[in-house]
Amino acid sequence: MNLGNLCIAGHNYVDNKLFSNINRLAINDIVKIYDLAGNCLEYVVFDISEVPSTDISCTIQKNDKEKYITLITCNNVNGLRLIVKCKHI
């Protein structure tokens, strides 16, 4: 089991592709990540924030005891980055 923070960045298109609906996620929502073999890992959203595009602190590996994912995309309205943090369940 790989521990730490896996960061996934995706474009925020307006055509329902990639991370275009990430802004609909809420605290306690479940995010499922599938590997190429079809195995699924489930994560629960625990933090949602917006930061300036120059702030990359969400990519730091602060924890080597748990498994996290951080989803990153742009906010097409205000120029900030939308950050969604999730913890493995």
N, C-alpha and C. Protein backbone atom coordinates (compact mmCIF):
# COMPACT_ATOMS: atom_id res chain seq x y z
N MET A 1 0.85 -1.17 0.00
CA MET A 1 0.00 0.00 0.00
C MET A 1 0.89 1.24 0.00
N ASN A 2 0.72 2.10 -0.99
CA ASN A 2 1.48 3.34 -1.06
C ASN A 2 0.83 4.38 -0.16
N LEU A 3 1.64 4.99 0.69
CA LEU A 3 1.14 6.00 1.62
C LEU A 3 1.57 7.38 1.16
N GLY A 4 0.88 8.38 1.65
CA GLY A 4 1.22 9.76 1.31
C GLY A 4 0.12 10.43 0.52
N ASN A 5 0.50 11.49 -0.19
CA ASN A 5 -0.44 12.35 -0.90
C ASN A 5 -0.25 12.21 -2.40
N LEU A 6 -1.22 11.61 -3.08
CA LEU A 6 -1.20 11.53 -4.54
C LEU A 6 -1.97 12.73 -5.07
N CYS A 7 -1.32 13.58 -5.85
CA CYS A 7 -1.96 14.76 -6.42
C CYS A 7 -2.35 14.48 -7.86
N ILE A 8 -3.60 14.78 -8.19
CA ILE A 8 -4.10 14.60 -9.54
C ILE A 8 -4.65 15.93 -10.01
N ALA A 9 -4.06 16.47 -11.08
CA ALA A 9 -4.52 17.74 -11.65
C ALA A 9 -5.24 17.45 -12.96
N GLY A 10 -6.33 18.16 -13.19
CA GLY A 10 -7.09 17.97 -14.43
C GLY A 10 -7.69 19.28 -14.88
N HIS A 11 -7.92 19.37 -16.17
CA HIS A 11 -8.55 20.57 -16.73
C HIS A 11 -10.01 20.67 -16.31
N ASN A 12 -10.47 21.87 -16.15
CA ASN A 12 -11.84 22.16 -15.77
C ASN A 12 -12.57 22.70 -17.00
N TYR A 13 -12.96 21.80 -17.87
CA TYR A 13 -13.67 22.19 -19.09
C TYR A 13 -15.14 22.44 -18.79
N VAL A 14 -15.83 23.10 -19.68
CA VAL A 14 -17.25 23.38 -19.49
C VAL A 14 -18.14 22.35 -20.20
N ASP A 15 -17.54 21.24 -20.66
CA ASP A 15 -18.30 20.25 -21.42
C ASP A 15 -18.46 18.92 -20.69
N ASN A 16 -18.44 18.95 -19.36
CA ASN A 16 -18.61 17.76 -18.52
C ASN A 16 -17.52 16.72 -18.71
N LYS A 17 -16.32 17.12 -19.09
CA LYS A 17 -15.19 16.21 -19.22
C LYS A 17 -14.14 16.55 -18.17
N LEU A 18 -13.31 15.55 -17.88
CA LEU A 18 -12.22 15.67 -16.91
C LEU A 18 -12.75 16.21 -15.58
N PHE A 19 -12.26 17.34 -15.10
CA PHE A 19 -12.65 17.84 -13.78
C PHE A 19 -13.71 18.93 -13.85
N SER A 20 -14.54 18.93 -14.89
CA SER A 20 -15.52 20.01 -15.06
C SER A 20 -16.60 20.00 -13.98
N ASN A 21 -16.82 18.88 -13.31
CA ASN A 21 -17.85 18.82 -12.26
C ASN A 21 -17.28 18.71 -10.85
N ILE A 22 -16.00 18.95 -10.71
CA ILE A 22 -15.36 18.80 -9.40
C ILE A 22 -15.94 19.78 -8.37
N ASN A 23 -16.44 20.90 -8.85
CA ASN A 23 -17.02 21.89 -7.92
C ASN A 23 -18.31 21.39 -7.27
N ARG A 24 -18.85 20.28 -7.74
CA ARG A 24 -20.06 19.70 -7.14
C ARG A 24 -19.75 18.81 -5.94
N LEU A 25 -18.48 18.48 -5.75
CA LEU A 25 -18.11 17.66 -4.60
C LEU A 25 -18.32 18.42 -3.31
N ALA A 26 -18.68 17.69 -2.26
CA ALA A 26 -18.91 18.28 -0.94
C ALA A 26 -18.19 17.42 0.11
N ILE A 27 -18.02 17.99 1.28
CA ILE A 27 -17.42 17.26 2.40
C ILE A 27 -18.22 15.97 2.62
N ASN A 28 -17.50 14.87 2.83
CA ASN A 28 -18.04 13.53 3.08
C ASN A 28 -18.50 12.80 1.81
N ASP A 29 -18.37 13.42 0.63
CA ASP A 29 -18.64 12.69 -0.61
C ASP A 29 -17.57 11.63 -0.81
N ILE A 30 -17.90 10.58 -1.54
CA ILE A 30 -16.97 9.50 -1.84
C ILE A 30 -16.40 9.70 -3.24
N VAL A 31 -15.08 9.58 -3.35
CA VAL A 31 -14.38 9.64 -4.64
C VAL A 31 -13.77 8.27 -4.87
N LYS A 32 -14.03 7.70 -6.04
CA LYS A 32 -13.50 6.38 -6.38
C LYS A 32 -12.42 6.52 -7.44
N ILE A 33 -11.29 5.87 -7.20
CA ILE A 33 -10.17 5.86 -8.13
C ILE A 33 -9.96 4.42 -8.60
N TYR A 34 -9.95 4.22 -9.92
CA TYR A 34 -9.77 2.88 -10.48
C TYR A 34 -8.41 2.78 -11.15
N ASP A 35 -7.76 1.63 -10.98
CA ASP A 35 -6.52 1.40 -11.71
C ASP A 35 -6.84 0.68 -13.02
N LEU A 36 -5.83 0.42 -13.82
CA LEU A 36 -6.04 -0.18 -15.13
C LEU A 36 -6.61 -1.60 -15.06
N ALA A 37 -6.44 -2.27 -13.94
CA ALA A 37 -6.97 -3.62 -13.76
C ALA A 37 -8.42 -3.60 -13.26
N GLY A 38 -8.96 -2.41 -13.01
CA GLY A 38 -10.34 -2.30 -12.53
C GLY A 38 -10.48 -2.30 -11.02
N ASN A 39 -9.36 -2.33 -10.29
CA ASN A 39 -9.42 -2.26 -8.83
C ASN A 39 -9.82 -0.86 -8.40
N CYS A 40 -10.63 -0.78 -7.37
CA CYS A 40 -11.15 0.52 -6.91
C CYS A 40 -10.66 0.83 -5.51
N LEU A 41 -10.22 2.07 -5.32
CA LEU A 41 -9.92 2.60 -3.99
C LEU A 41 -10.91 3.72 -3.72
N GLU A 42 -11.46 3.74 -2.51
CA GLU A 42 -12.43 4.78 -2.16
C GLU A 42 -11.83 5.77 -1.17
N TYR A 43 -12.15 7.02 -1.40
CA TYR A 43 -11.68 8.12 -0.56
C TYR A 43 -12.87 8.98 -0.17
N VAL A 44 -12.78 9.62 0.98
CA VAL A 44 -13.83 10.53 1.43
C VAL A 44 -13.27 11.95 1.42
N VAL A 45 -14.06 12.88 0.89
CA VAL A 45 -13.66 14.30 0.84
C VAL A 45 -13.69 14.86 2.25
N PHE A 46 -12.56 15.48 2.67
CA PHE A 46 -12.52 16.09 4.00
C PHE A 46 -12.17 17.58 3.97
N ASP A 47 -11.76 18.10 2.81
CA ASP A 47 -11.43 19.53 2.75
C ASP A 47 -11.56 20.02 1.32
N ILE A 48 -12.17 21.18 1.17
CA ILE A 48 -12.30 21.83 -0.13
C ILE A 48 -11.90 23.29 0.04
N SER A 49 -11.01 23.76 -0.82
CA SER A 49 -10.56 25.15 -0.70
C SER A 49 -10.18 25.70 -2.06
N GLU A 50 -9.99 27.01 -2.11
CA GLU A 50 -9.47 27.68 -3.29
C GLU A 50 -8.22 28.43 -2.89
N VAL A 51 -7.21 28.38 -3.74
CA VAL A 51 -5.94 29.03 -3.46
C VAL A 51 -5.47 29.76 -4.72
N PRO A 52 -4.56 30.72 -4.57
CA PRO A 52 -3.97 31.34 -5.76
C PRO A 52 -3.24 30.30 -6.60
N SER A 53 -3.15 30.52 -7.89
CA SER A 53 -2.51 29.55 -8.79
C SER A 53 -1.04 29.33 -8.47
N THR A 54 -0.42 30.23 -7.73
CA THR A 54 0.98 30.10 -7.36
C THR A 54 1.19 29.27 -6.09
N ASP A 55 0.11 28.95 -5.38
CA ASP A 55 0.19 28.20 -4.13
C ASP A 55 0.20 26.70 -4.44
N ILE A 56 1.34 26.05 -4.24
CA ILE A 56 1.46 24.61 -4.50
C ILE A 56 1.60 23.81 -3.21
N SER A 57 1.27 24.41 -2.09
CA SER A 57 1.44 23.74 -0.80
C SER A 57 0.59 22.47 -0.70
N CYS A 58 -0.48 22.36 -1.46
CA CYS A 58 -1.34 21.17 -1.40
C CYS A 58 -0.65 19.94 -1.95
N THR A 59 0.48 20.09 -2.63
CA THR A 59 1.19 18.95 -3.21
C THR A 59 2.23 18.36 -2.26
N ILE A 60 2.42 18.96 -1.11
CA ILE A 60 3.45 18.52 -0.16
C ILE A 60 3.07 17.18 0.45
N GLN A 61 4.07 16.32 0.60
CA GLN A 61 3.90 15.02 1.25
C GLN A 61 4.04 15.20 2.76
N LYS A 62 2.97 15.56 3.44
CA LYS A 62 3.03 15.81 4.88
C LYS A 62 2.80 14.56 5.71
N ASN A 63 2.37 13.49 5.10
CA ASN A 63 1.95 12.34 5.88
C ASN A 63 2.46 11.05 5.23
N ASP A 64 3.18 10.26 5.97
CA ASP A 64 3.64 8.97 5.44
C ASP A 64 2.97 7.80 6.18
N LYS A 65 1.87 8.09 6.89
CA LYS A 65 1.17 7.05 7.64
C LYS A 65 -0.22 6.76 7.08
N GLU A 66 -0.69 7.60 6.17
CA GLU A 66 -2.03 7.42 5.61
C GLU A 66 -1.99 7.66 4.11
N LYS A 67 -3.09 7.32 3.46
CA LYS A 67 -3.19 7.46 2.01
C LYS A 67 -4.20 8.57 1.69
N TYR A 68 -3.74 9.57 0.94
CA TYR A 68 -4.58 10.71 0.55
C TYR A 68 -4.53 10.90 -0.95
N ILE A 69 -5.55 11.57 -1.48
CA ILE A 69 -5.47 12.12 -2.83
C ILE A 69 -5.85 13.59 -2.74
N THR A 70 -5.22 14.39 -3.58
CA THR A 70 -5.55 15.79 -3.70
C THR A 70 -5.90 16.05 -5.16
N LEU A 71 -7.13 16.52 -5.39
CA LEU A 71 -7.60 16.83 -6.73
C LEU A 71 -7.44 18.33 -6.94
N ILE A 72 -6.85 18.71 -8.07
CA ILE A 72 -6.53 20.12 -8.33
C ILE A 72 -7.05 20.51 -9.71
N THR A 73 -7.73 21.64 -9.77
CA THR A 73 -8.17 22.18 -11.06
C THR A 73 -8.31 23.69 -10.95
N CYS A 74 -8.52 24.33 -12.07
CA CYS A 74 -8.68 25.78 -12.06
C CYS A 74 -10.15 26.15 -11.86
N ASN A 75 -10.38 27.31 -11.32
CA ASN A 75 -11.71 27.88 -11.26
C ASN A 75 -11.80 28.85 -12.44
N ASN A 76 -12.62 28.53 -13.41
CA ASN A 76 -12.68 29.33 -14.63
C ASN A 76 -13.29 30.72 -14.42
N VAL A 77 -13.86 30.96 -13.25
CA VAL A 77 -14.52 32.24 -12.99
C VAL A 77 -13.57 33.25 -12.35
N ASN A 78 -12.83 32.81 -11.31
CA ASN A 78 -12.03 33.78 -10.55
C ASN A 78 -10.51 33.59 -10.67
N GLY A 79 -10.06 32.62 -11.45
CA GLY A 79 -8.62 32.44 -11.65
C GLY A 79 -7.90 31.73 -10.54
N LEU A 80 -8.61 31.27 -9.52
CA LEU A 80 -7.99 30.53 -8.43
C LEU A 80 -7.94 29.05 -8.76
N ARG A 81 -7.24 28.28 -7.93
CA ARG A 81 -7.19 26.83 -8.05
C ARG A 81 -8.16 26.22 -7.03
N LEU A 82 -8.95 25.27 -7.48
CA LEU A 82 -9.84 24.53 -6.60
C LEU A 82 -9.10 23.29 -6.12
N ILE A 83 -9.04 23.10 -4.80
CA ILE A 83 -8.32 21.98 -4.19
C ILE A 83 -9.33 21.14 -3.41
N VAL A 84 -9.37 19.84 -3.72
CA VAL A 84 -10.24 18.90 -3.01
C VAL A 84 -9.35 17.82 -2.42
N LYS A 85 -9.34 17.72 -1.09
CA LYS A 85 -8.52 16.74 -0.39
C LYS A 85 -9.40 15.59 0.09
N CYS A 86 -8.89 14.37 -0.12
CA CYS A 86 -9.64 13.17 0.21
C CYS A 86 -8.75 12.18 0.96
N LYS A 87 -9.36 11.44 1.90
CA LYS A 87 -8.64 10.46 2.71
C LYS A 87 -9.16 9.07 2.39
N HIS A 88 -8.24 8.11 2.27
CA HIS A 88 -8.60 6.73 1.98
C HIS A 88 -9.48 6.15 3.08
N ILE A 89 -10.52 5.42 2.68
CA ILE A 89 -11.41 4.80 3.68
C ILE A 89 -11.41 3.29 3.51
